[in-house]
Amino acid sequence: MSSEPQGADGARLVSLANEEAVKEILATTVLDLWKVVNNLTRLRPSKRDRYRVADAIGGIVVRVPKSRRVVRSTSSGARS
């Protein structure tokens, strides 16, 4: 048996007082995370949904699928 404490996955536990080992773990973890992100950004949907802007009022943009018909009210509160 090893005298070093181990985590649930069998990996050796590292004390935060061991700064060099902590830096190494953080660096490899961040680089591995970037690899995961890069791999996930390669994924593309087989079919993209197409949207159009139906209205933009007060900074709110309503996106409606192209398959839906949009009826726009053109009435105005101002009269000439």
PDB file of N, CA and C in Angstrom:
ATOM      1  N   MET A   1       0.827  -1.195   0.000  1.00  0.00           N
ATOM      2  CA  MET A   1       0.000   0.000   0.000  1.00  0.00           C
ATOM      3  C   MET A   1       0.869   1.256   0.000  1.00  0.00           C
ATOM      4  N   SER A   2       0.413   2.277  -0.696  1.00  0.00           N
ATOM      5  CA  SER A   2       1.138   3.543  -0.744  1.00  0.00           C
ATOM      6  C   SER A   2       0.729   4.395   0.444  1.00  0.00           C
ATOM      7  N   SER A   3       1.669   5.178   0.942  1.00  0.00           N
ATOM      8  CA  SER A   3       1.352   6.041   2.078  1.00  0.00           C
ATOM      9  C   SER A   3       0.740   7.365   1.632  1.00  0.00           C
ATOM     10  N   GLU A   4       0.756   7.640   0.312  1.00  0.00           N
ATOM     11  CA  GLU A   4       0.174   8.886  -0.198  1.00  0.00           C
ATOM     12  C   GLU A   4      -1.347   8.770  -0.253  1.00  0.00           C
ATOM     13  N   PRO A   5      -2.056   9.821   0.201  1.00  0.00           N
ATOM     14  CA  PRO A   5      -3.517   9.766   0.128  1.00  0.00           C
ATOM     15  C   PRO A   5      -3.984   9.811  -1.323  1.00  0.00           C
ATOM     16  N   GLN A   6      -5.076   9.105  -1.623  1.00  0.00           N
ATOM     17  CA  GLN A   6      -5.606   9.063  -2.976  1.00  0.00           C
ATOM     18  C   GLN A   6      -7.072   9.458  -2.964  1.00  0.00           C
ATOM     19  N   GLY A   7      -7.497  10.069  -4.084  1.00  0.00           N
ATOM     20  CA  GLY A   7      -8.895  10.447  -4.235  1.00  0.00           C
ATOM     21  C   GLY A   7      -9.722   9.247  -4.639  1.00  0.00           C
ATOM     22  N   ALA A   8     -11.012   9.471  -4.836  1.00  0.00           N
ATOM     23  CA  ALA A   8     -11.944   8.407  -5.181  1.00  0.00           C
ATOM     24  C   ALA A   8     -11.585   7.768  -6.522  1.00  0.00           C
ATOM     25  N   ASP A   9     -10.999   8.548  -7.454  1.00  0.00           N
ATOM     26  CA  ASP A   9     -10.650   8.006  -8.772  1.00  0.00           C
ATOM     27  C   ASP A   9      -9.245   7.404  -8.790  1.00  0.00           C
ATOM     28  N   GLY A  10      -8.592   7.330  -7.643  1.00  0.00           N
ATOM     29  CA  GLY A  10      -7.265   6.732  -7.564  1.00  0.00           C
ATOM     30  C   GLY A  10      -6.135   7.712  -7.802  1.00  0.00           C
ATOM     31  N   ALA A  11      -6.457   8.963  -8.129  1.00  0.00           N
ATOM     32  CA  ALA A  11      -5.420   9.965  -8.374  1.00  0.00           C
ATOM     33  C   ALA A  11      -4.802  10.399  -7.047  1.00  0.00           C
ATOM     34  N   ARG A  12      -3.533  10.732  -7.119  1.00  0.00           N
ATOM     35  CA  ARG A  12      -2.814  11.181  -5.928  1.00  0.00           C
ATOM     36  C   ARG A  12      -3.328  12.570  -5.526  1.00  0.00           C
ATOM     37  N   LEU A  13      -3.622  12.741  -4.259  1.00  0.00           N
ATOM     38  CA  LEU A  13      -4.086  14.036  -3.751  1.00  0.00           C
ATOM     39  C   LEU A  13      -2.893  14.955  -3.539  1.00  0.00           C
ATOM     40  N   VAL A  14      -3.089  16.245  -3.805  1.00  0.00           N
ATOM     41  CA  VAL A  14      -2.012  17.224  -3.703  1.00  0.00           C
ATOM     42  C   VAL A  14      -2.433  18.320  -2.727  1.00  0.00           C
ATOM     43  N   SER A  15      -1.581  18.605  -1.796  1.00  0.00           N
ATOM     44  CA  SER A  15      -1.841  19.664  -0.831  1.00  0.00           C
ATOM     45  C   SER A  15      -1.689  21.022  -1.513  1.00  0.00           C
ATOM     46  N   LEU A  16      -2.506  21.981  -1.130  1.00  0.00           N
ATOM     47  CA  LEU A  16      -2.390  23.334  -1.684  1.00  0.00           C
ATOM     48  C   LEU A  16      -1.090  24.008  -1.261  1.00  0.00           C
ATOM     49  N   ALA A  17      -0.446  23.481  -0.259  1.00  0.00           N
ATOM     50  CA  ALA A  17       0.840  24.026   0.173  1.00  0.00           C
ATOM     51  C   ALA A  17       1.934  23.697  -0.849  1.00  0.00           C
ATOM     52  N   ASN A  18       1.735  22.675  -1.660  1.00  0.00           N
ATOM     53  CA  ASN A  18       2.704  22.289  -2.690  1.00  0.00           C
ATOM     54  C   ASN A  18       2.393  23.114  -3.944  1.00  0.00           C
ATOM     55  N   GLU A  19       2.913  24.333  -3.973  1.00  0.00           N
ATOM     56  CA  GLU A  19       2.545  25.295  -5.025  1.00  0.00           C
ATOM     57  C   GLU A  19       2.934  24.848  -6.425  1.00  0.00           C
ATOM     58  N   GLU A  20       4.080  24.214  -6.583  1.00  0.00           N
ATOM     59  CA  GLU A  20       4.499  23.769  -7.915  1.00  0.00           C
ATOM     60  C   GLU A  20       3.548  22.718  -8.475  1.00  0.00           C
ATOM     61  N   ALA A  21       3.157  21.770  -7.644  1.00  0.00           N
ATOM     62  CA  ALA A  21       2.232  20.729  -8.094  1.00  0.00           C
ATOM     63  C   ALA A  21       0.855  21.330  -8.394  1.00  0.00           C
ATOM     64  N   VAL A  22       0.439  22.297  -7.591  1.00  0.00           N
ATOM     65  CA  VAL A  22      -0.854  22.958  -7.823  1.00  0.00           C
ATOM     66  C   VAL A  22      -0.833  23.705  -9.146  1.00  0.00           C
ATOM     67  N   LYS A  23       0.263  24.431  -9.432  1.00  0.00           N
ATOM     68  CA  LYS A  23       0.388  25.149 -10.707  1.00  0.00           C
ATOM     69  C   LYS A  23       0.344  24.182 -11.877  1.00  0.00           C
ATOM     70  N   GLU A  24       1.020  23.049 -11.736  1.00  0.00           N
ATOM     71  CA  GLU A  24       1.041  22.055 -12.812  1.00  0.00           C
ATOM     72  C   GLU A  24      -0.358  21.487 -13.058  1.00  0.00           C
ATOM     73  N   ILE A  25      -1.062  21.175 -11.990  1.00  0.00           N
ATOM     74  CA  ILE A  25      -2.425  20.640 -12.120  1.00  0.00           C
ATOM     75  C   ILE A  25      -3.342  21.665 -12.769  1.00  0.00           C
ATOM     76  N   LEU A  26      -3.258  22.919 -12.332  1.00  0.00           N
ATOM     77  CA  LEU A  26      -4.106  23.972 -12.910  1.00  0.00           C
ATOM     78  C   LEU A  26      -3.790  24.186 -14.387  1.00  0.00           C
ATOM     79  N   ALA A  27      -2.516  24.217 -14.729  1.00  0.00           N
ATOM     80  CA  ALA A  27      -2.118  24.444 -16.121  1.00  0.00           C
ATOM     81  C   ALA A  27      -2.610  23.315 -17.022  1.00  0.00           C
ATOM     82  N   THR A  28      -2.397  22.079 -16.621  1.00  0.00           N
ATOM     83  CA  THR A  28      -2.845  20.964 -17.461  1.00  0.00           C
ATOM     84  C   THR A  28      -4.365  20.898 -17.537  1.00  0.00           C
ATOM     85  N   THR A  29      -5.041  21.245 -16.454  1.00  0.00           N
ATOM     86  CA  THR A  29      -6.504  21.229 -16.452  1.00  0.00           C
ATOM     87  C   THR A  29      -7.066  22.275 -17.405  1.00  0.00           C
ATOM     88  N   VAL A  30      -6.496  23.493 -17.381  1.00  0.00           N
ATOM     89  CA  VAL A  30      -6.964  24.552 -18.273  1.00  0.00           C
ATOM     90  C   VAL A  30      -6.705  24.185 -19.728  1.00  0.00           C
ATOM     91  N   LEU A  31      -5.523  23.643 -20.015  1.00  0.00           N
ATOM     92  CA  LEU A  31      -5.218  23.236 -21.392  1.00  0.00           C
ATOM     93  C   LEU A  31      -6.140  22.114 -21.854  1.00  0.00           C
ATOM     94  N   ASP A  32      -6.418  21.157 -20.973  1.00  0.00           N
ATOM     95  CA  ASP A  32      -7.341  20.081 -21.329  1.00  0.00           C
ATOM     96  C   ASP A  32      -8.753  20.619 -21.541  1.00  0.00           C
ATOM     97  N   LEU A  33      -9.133  21.622 -20.755  1.00  0.00           N
ATOM     98  CA  LEU A  33     -10.448  22.230 -20.931  1.00  0.00           C
ATOM     99  C   LEU A  33     -10.546  22.916 -22.290  1.00  0.00           C
ATOM    100  N   TRP A  34      -9.470  23.586 -22.719  1.00  0.00           N
ATOM    101  CA  TRP A  34      -9.452  24.214 -24.043  1.00  0.00           C
ATOM    102  C   TRP A  34      -9.606  23.175 -25.141  1.00  0.00           C
ATOM    103  N   LYS A  35      -8.986  22.006 -24.943  1.00  0.00           N
ATOM    104  CA  LYS A  35      -9.139  20.930 -25.918  1.00  0.00           C
ATOM    105  C   LYS A  35     -10.597  20.492 -26.021  1.00  0.00           C
ATOM    106  N   VAL A  36     -11.263  20.407 -24.884  1.00  0.00           N
ATOM    107  CA  VAL A  36     -12.680  20.027 -24.868  1.00  0.00           C
ATOM    108  C   VAL A  36     -13.514  21.085 -25.591  1.00  0.00           C
ATOM    109  N   VAL A  37     -13.265  22.354 -25.288  1.00  0.00           N
ATOM    110  CA  VAL A  37     -14.012  23.446 -25.935  1.00  0.00           C
ATOM    111  C   VAL A  37     -13.776  23.429 -27.438  1.00  0.00           C
ATOM    112  N   ASN A  38     -12.541  23.267 -27.853  1.00  0.00           N
ATOM    113  CA  ASN A  38     -12.231  23.219 -29.284  1.00  0.00           C
ATOM    114  C   ASN A  38     -12.950  22.059 -29.970  1.00  0.00           C
ATOM    115  N   ASN A  39     -12.984  20.916 -29.323  1.00  0.00           N
ATOM    116  CA  ASN A  39     -13.692  19.781 -29.904  1.00  0.00           C
ATOM    117  C   ASN A  39     -15.191  20.035 -29.985  1.00  0.00           C
ATOM    118  N   LEU A  40     -15.766  20.634 -28.963  1.00  0.00           N
ATOM    119  CA  LEU A  40     -17.205  20.901 -28.970  1.00  0.00           C
ATOM    120  C   LEU A  40     -17.586  21.935 -30.029  1.00  0.00           C
ATOM    121  N   THR A  41     -16.710  22.900 -30.305  1.00  0.00           N
ATOM    122  CA  THR A  41     -17.034  23.911 -31.318  1.00  0.00           C
ATOM    123  C   THR A  41     -16.987  23.345 -32.724  1.00  0.00           C
ATOM    124  N   ARG A  42     -16.441  22.155 -32.902  1.00  0.00           N
ATOM    125  CA  ARG A  42     -16.436  21.504 -34.210  1.00  0.00           C
ATOM    126  C   ARG A  42     -17.800  20.930 -34.567  1.00  0.00           C
ATOM    127  N   LEU A  43     -18.645  20.706 -33.582  1.00  0.00           N
ATOM    128  CA  LEU A  43     -19.955  20.096 -33.821  1.00  0.00           C
ATOM    129  C   LEU A  43     -20.885  21.083 -34.504  1.00  0.00           C
ATOM    130  N   ARG A  44     -21.575  20.622 -35.509  1.00  0.00           N
ATOM    131  CA  ARG A  44     -22.528  21.451 -36.245  1.00  0.00           C
ATOM    132  C   ARG A  44     -23.844  20.701 -36.370  1.00  0.00           C
ATOM    133  N   PRO A  45     -24.961  21.399 -36.259  1.00  0.00           N
ATOM    134  CA  PRO A  45     -26.259  20.725 -36.429  1.00  0.00           C
ATOM    135  C   PRO A  45     -26.432  20.265 -37.874  1.00  0.00           C
ATOM    136  N   SER A  46     -27.185  19.204 -38.068  1.00  0.00           N
ATOM    137  CA  SER A  46     -27.393  18.694 -39.419  1.00  0.00           C
ATOM    138  C   SER A  46     -28.309  19.617 -40.221  1.00  0.00           C
ATOM    139  N   LYS A  47     -29.188  20.335 -39.540  1.00  0.00           N
ATOM    140  CA  LYS A  47     -30.080  21.283 -40.209  1.00  0.00           C
ATOM    141  C   LYS A  47     -30.150  22.539 -39.356  1.00  0.00           C
ATOM    142  N   ARG A  48     -29.931  23.663 -39.989  1.00  0.00           N
ATOM    143  CA  ARG A  48     -29.997  24.924 -39.249  1.00  0.00           C
ATOM    144  C   ARG A  48     -31.386  25.517 -39.358  1.00  0.00           C
ATOM    145  N   ASP A  49     -31.913  25.971 -38.242  1.00  0.00           N
ATOM    146  CA  ASP A  49     -33.195  26.670 -38.254  1.00  0.00           C
ATOM    147  C   ASP A  49     -32.960  28.080 -38.773  1.00  0.00           C
ATOM    148  N   ARG A  50     -33.796  28.517 -39.670  1.00  0.00           N
ATOM    149  CA  ARG A  50     -33.678  29.863 -40.229  1.00  0.00           C
ATOM    150  C   ARG A  50     -34.721  30.756 -39.565  1.00  0.00           C
ATOM    151  N   TYR A  51     -34.301  31.936 -39.156  1.00  0.00           N
ATOM    152  CA  TYR A  51     -35.180  32.885 -38.501  1.00  0.00           C
ATOM    153  C   TYR A  51     -35.135  34.212 -39.234  1.00  0.00           C
ATOM    154  N   ARG A  52     -36.169  34.986 -39.028  1.00  0.00           N
ATOM    155  CA  ARG A  52     -36.193  36.357 -39.535  1.00  0.00           C
ATOM    156  C   ARG A  52     -36.649  37.260 -38.403  1.00  0.00           C
ATOM    157  N   VAL A  53     -36.286  38.502 -38.485  1.00  0.00           N
ATOM    158  CA  VAL A  53     -36.684  39.462 -37.462  1.00  0.00           C
ATOM    159  C   VAL A  53     -38.079  39.955 -37.801  1.00  0.00           C
ATOM    160  N   ALA A  54     -39.010  39.737 -36.880  1.00  0.00           N
ATOM    161  CA  ALA A  54     -40.393  40.140 -37.114  1.00  0.00           C
ATOM    162  C   ALA A  54     -40.637  41.558 -36.608  1.00  0.00           C
ATOM    163  N   ASP A  55     -40.003  41.930 -35.536  1.00  0.00           N
ATOM    164  CA  ASP A  55     -40.230  43.251 -34.970  1.00  0.00           C
ATOM    165  C   ASP A  55     -39.107  43.566 -33.991  1.00  0.00           C
ATOM    166  N   ALA A  56     -38.768  44.801 -33.890  1.00  0.00           N
ATOM    167  CA  ALA A  56     -37.781  45.221 -32.908  1.00  0.00           C
ATOM    168  C   ALA A  56     -38.311  46.474 -32.224  1.00  0.00           C
ATOM    169  N   ILE A  57     -38.845  46.287 -31.031  1.00  0.00           N
ATOM    170  CA  ILE A  57     -39.434  47.401 -30.286  1.00  0.00           C
ATOM    171  C   ILE A  57     -38.738  47.474 -28.930  1.00  0.00           C
ATOM    172  N   GLY A  58     -38.231  48.612 -28.603  1.00  0.00           N
ATOM    173  CA  GLY A  58     -37.601  48.804 -27.304  1.00  0.00           C
ATOM    174  C   GLY A  58     -36.396  47.908 -27.087  1.00  0.00           C
ATOM    175  N   GLY A  59     -35.693  47.576 -28.154  1.00  0.00           N
ATOM    176  CA  GLY A  59     -34.503  46.749 -28.014  1.00  0.00           C
ATOM    177  C   GLY A  59     -34.790  45.264 -27.969  1.00  0.00           C
ATOM    178  N   ILE A  60     -36.061  44.865 -28.043  1.00  0.00           N
ATOM    179  CA  ILE A  60     -36.413  43.447 -28.022  1.00  0.00           C
ATOM    180  C   ILE A  60     -36.597  42.976 -29.454  1.00  0.00           C
ATOM    181  N   VAL A  61     -35.868  41.954 -29.825  1.00  0.00           N
ATOM    182  CA  VAL A  61     -35.966  41.406 -31.177  1.00  0.00           C
ATOM    183  C   VAL A  61     -36.730  40.094 -31.094  1.00  0.00           C
ATOM    184  N   VAL A  62     -37.752  39.988 -31.895  1.00  0.00           N
ATOM    185  CA  VAL A  62     -38.555  38.770 -31.942  1.00  0.00           C
ATOM    186  C   VAL A  62     -38.108  37.966 -33.144  1.00  0.00           C
ATOM    187  N   ARG A  63     -37.647  36.750 -32.900  1.00  0.00           N
ATOM    188  CA  ARG A  63     -37.216  35.898 -34.005  1.00  0.00           C
ATOM    189  C   ARG A  63     -38.298  34.858 -34.263  1.00  0.00           C
ATOM    190  N   VAL A  64     -38.729  34.805 -35.497  1.00  0.00           N
ATOM    191  CA  VAL A  64     -39.808  33.909 -35.884  1.00  0.00           C
ATOM    192  C   VAL A  64     -39.285  32.974 -36.966  1.00  0.00           C
ATOM    193  N   PRO A  65     -39.563  31.679 -36.862  1.00  0.00           N
ATOM    194  CA  PRO A  65     -39.147  30.770 -37.927  1.00  0.00           C
ATOM    195  C   PRO A  65     -39.769  31.182 -39.260  1.00  0.00           C
ATOM    196  N   LYS A  66     -39.035  30.990 -40.350  1.00  0.00           N
ATOM    197  CA  LYS A  66     -39.526  31.397 -41.668  1.00  0.00           C
ATOM    198  C   LYS A  66     -40.816  30.680 -42.042  1.00  0.00           C
ATOM    199  N   SER A  67     -41.077  29.543 -41.459  1.00  0.00           N
ATOM    200  CA  SER A  67     -42.277  28.789 -41.801  1.00  0.00           C
ATOM    201  C   SER A  67     -43.547  29.448 -41.254  1.00  0.00           C
ATOM    202  N   ARG A  68     -43.422  30.366 -40.296  1.00  0.00           N
ATOM    203  CA  ARG A  68     -44.598  31.033 -39.720  1.00  0.00           C
ATOM    204  C   ARG A  68     -44.861  32.346 -40.425  1.00  0.00           C
ATOM    205  N   ARG A  69     -46.125  32.631 -40.655  1.00  0.00           N
ATOM    206  CA  ARG A  69     -46.537  33.879 -41.281  1.00  0.00           C
ATOM    207  C   ARG A  69     -46.576  34.975 -40.223  1.00  0.00           C
ATOM    208  N   VAL A  70     -46.066  36.131 -40.575  1.00  0.00           N
ATOM    209  CA  VAL A  70     -46.037  37.257 -39.635  1.00  0.00           C
ATOM    210  C   VAL A  70     -47.005  38.315 -40.128  1.00  0.00           C
ATOM    211  N   VAL A  71     -47.926  38.718 -39.260  1.00  0.00           N
ATOM    212  CA  VAL A  71     -48.862  39.803 -39.583  1.00  0.00           C
ATOM    213  C   VAL A  71     -48.446  40.985 -38.736  1.00  0.00           C
ATOM    214  N   ARG A  72     -48.136  42.076 -39.397  1.00  0.00           N
ATOM    215  CA  ARG A  72     -47.663  43.265 -38.700  1.00  0.00           C
ATOM    216  C   ARG A  72     -48.747  44.328 -38.714  1.00  0.00           C
ATOM    217  N   SER A  73     -48.992  44.883 -37.544  1.00  0.00           N
ATOM    218  CA  SER A  73     -49.934  45.973 -37.436  1.00  0.00           C
ATOM    219  C   SER A  73     -49.213  47.266 -37.780  1.00  0.00           C
ATOM    220  N   THR A  74     -49.787  48.046 -38.701  1.00  0.00           N
ATOM    221  CA  THR A  74     -49.136  49.300 -39.105  1.00  0.00           C
ATOM    222  C   THR A  74     -49.860  50.512 -38.556  1.00  0.00           C
ATOM    223  N   SER A  75     -50.829  50.293 -37.678  1.00  0.00           N
ATOM    224  CA  SER A  75     -51.562  51.442 -37.144  1.00  0.00           C
ATOM    225  C   SER A  75     -50.653  52.265 -36.249  1.00  0.00           C
ATOM    226  N   SER A  76     -50.872  53.561 -36.281  1.00  0.00           N
ATOM    227  CA  SER A  76     -50.035  54.465 -35.504  1.00  0.00           C
ATOM    228  C   SER A  76     -50.924  55.303 -34.609  1.00  0.00           C
ATOM    229  N   GLY A  77     -50.402  55.697 -33.487  1.00  0.00           N
ATOM    230  CA  GLY A  77     -51.183  56.538 -32.567  1.00  0.00           C
ATOM    231  C   GLY A  77     -51.242  57.978 -33.046  1.00  0.00           C
ATOM    232  N   ALA A  78     -50.324  58.379 -33.904  1.00  0.00           N
ATOM    233  CA  ALA A  78     -50.297  59.765 -34.397  1.00  0.00           C
ATOM    234  C   ALA A  78     -51.168  59.894 -35.627  1.00  0.00           C
ATOM    235  N   ARG A  79     -51.971  60.906 -35.670  1.00  0.00           N
ATOM    236  CA  ARG A  79     -52.829  61.173 -36.819  1.00  0.00           C
ATOM    237  C   ARG A  79     -52.440  62.519 -37.437  1.00  0.00           C
ATOM    238  N   SER A  80     -52.510  62.610 -38.749  1.00  0.00           N
ATOM    239  CA  SER A  80     -52.176  63.848 -39.428  1.00  0.00           C
ATOM    240  C   SER A  80     -53.403  64.701 -39.602  1.00  0.00           C
TER     241      SER A  80
END
